[in-house]
């Protein structure tokens, strides 16, 4: 069985998946329609920890001066 990959093959493939154009297929496979959620509380905690680390490092550095 020799299956040639042609423009018509891809059109039929998209049609079988329920899409009419290449852009919609790309968006679907890339998950572009799914909005990512951001855990702002986690980011806040990380920023707080970063501030604590910098303060501790500054205390050590300023002690040696």
Protein backbone atom coordinates (compact mmCIF):
# COMPACT_ATOMS: atom_id res chain seq x y z
CA UNK A 1 0.00 0.00 0.00
CA UNK A 2 1.50 3.27 -1.13
CA UNK A 3 0.09 6.29 0.71
CA UNK A 4 1.32 9.54 -0.75
CA UNK A 5 1.27 12.51 1.55
CA UNK A 6 -0.32 15.27 -0.45
CA UNK A 7 -2.25 18.44 0.24
CA UNK A 8 -5.46 16.44 -0.21
CA UNK A 9 -4.26 13.89 2.34
CA UNK A 10 -3.80 16.62 4.96
CA UNK A 11 -7.16 18.18 4.11
CA UNK A 12 -8.84 14.81 4.62
CA UNK A 13 -6.90 14.29 7.87
CA UNK A 14 -8.09 17.67 9.21
CA UNK A 15 -11.63 16.91 8.08
CA UNK A 16 -11.58 13.58 9.93
CA UNK A 17 -10.44 15.39 13.07
CA UNK A 18 -13.29 17.88 12.68
CA UNK A 19 -11.31 20.89 11.50
CA UNK A 20 -11.63 22.90 8.33
CA UNK A 21 -8.28 24.70 8.31
CA UNK A 22 -4.67 24.18 9.29
CA UNK A 23 -4.57 27.08 11.76
CA UNK A 24 -7.33 25.62 13.92
CA UNK A 25 -5.60 22.24 14.01
CA UNK A 26 -2.33 23.86 15.10
CA UNK A 27 -4.08 25.81 17.85
CA UNK A 28 -5.87 22.68 19.03
CA UNK A 29 -2.74 20.53 19.19
CA UNK A 30 -0.77 23.36 20.84
CA UNK A 31 -3.48 23.85 23.47
CA UNK A 32 -3.84 27.52 22.58
CA UNK A 33 -7.49 27.46 23.59
CA UNK A 34 -6.65 26.47 27.18
CA UNK A 35 -5.93 29.40 29.46
CA UNK A 36 -3.08 28.59 31.84
CA UNK A 37 -3.71 29.30 35.48
CA UNK A 38 -1.16 31.17 37.54
CA UNK A 39 -0.77 30.54 41.25
CA UNK A 40 -0.13 34.09 42.41
CA UNK A 41 0.08 32.99 46.04
CA UNK A 42 2.97 30.65 45.17
CA UNK A 43 4.74 33.46 43.31
CA UNK A 44 4.25 35.74 46.31
CA UNK A 45 5.77 33.11 48.61
CA UNK A 46 8.74 32.68 46.27
CA UNK A 47 9.29 36.44 46.15
CA UNK A 48 9.14 36.62 49.95
CA UNK A 49 11.74 33.86 50.20
CA UNK A 50 13.95 35.64 47.69
CA UNK A 51 13.78 38.82 49.78
CA UNK A 52 14.72 36.82 52.89
CA UNK A 53 17.70 35.27 51.09
CA UNK A 54 18.94 38.65 49.86
CA UNK A 55 18.59 40.20 53.33
CA UNK A 56 20.57 37.35 54.92
CA UNK A 57 23.27 37.63 52.27
CA UNK A 58 23.46 41.41 52.76
CA UNK A 59 23.92 40.91 56.51
CA UNK A 60 26.83 38.56 55.87
CA UNK A 61 28.47 40.84 53.33
CA UNK A 62 28.05 44.02 55.40
CA UNK A 63 29.50 42.23 58.45
CA UNK A 64 32.79 41.67 56.64
CA UNK A 65 33.20 45.31 55.60
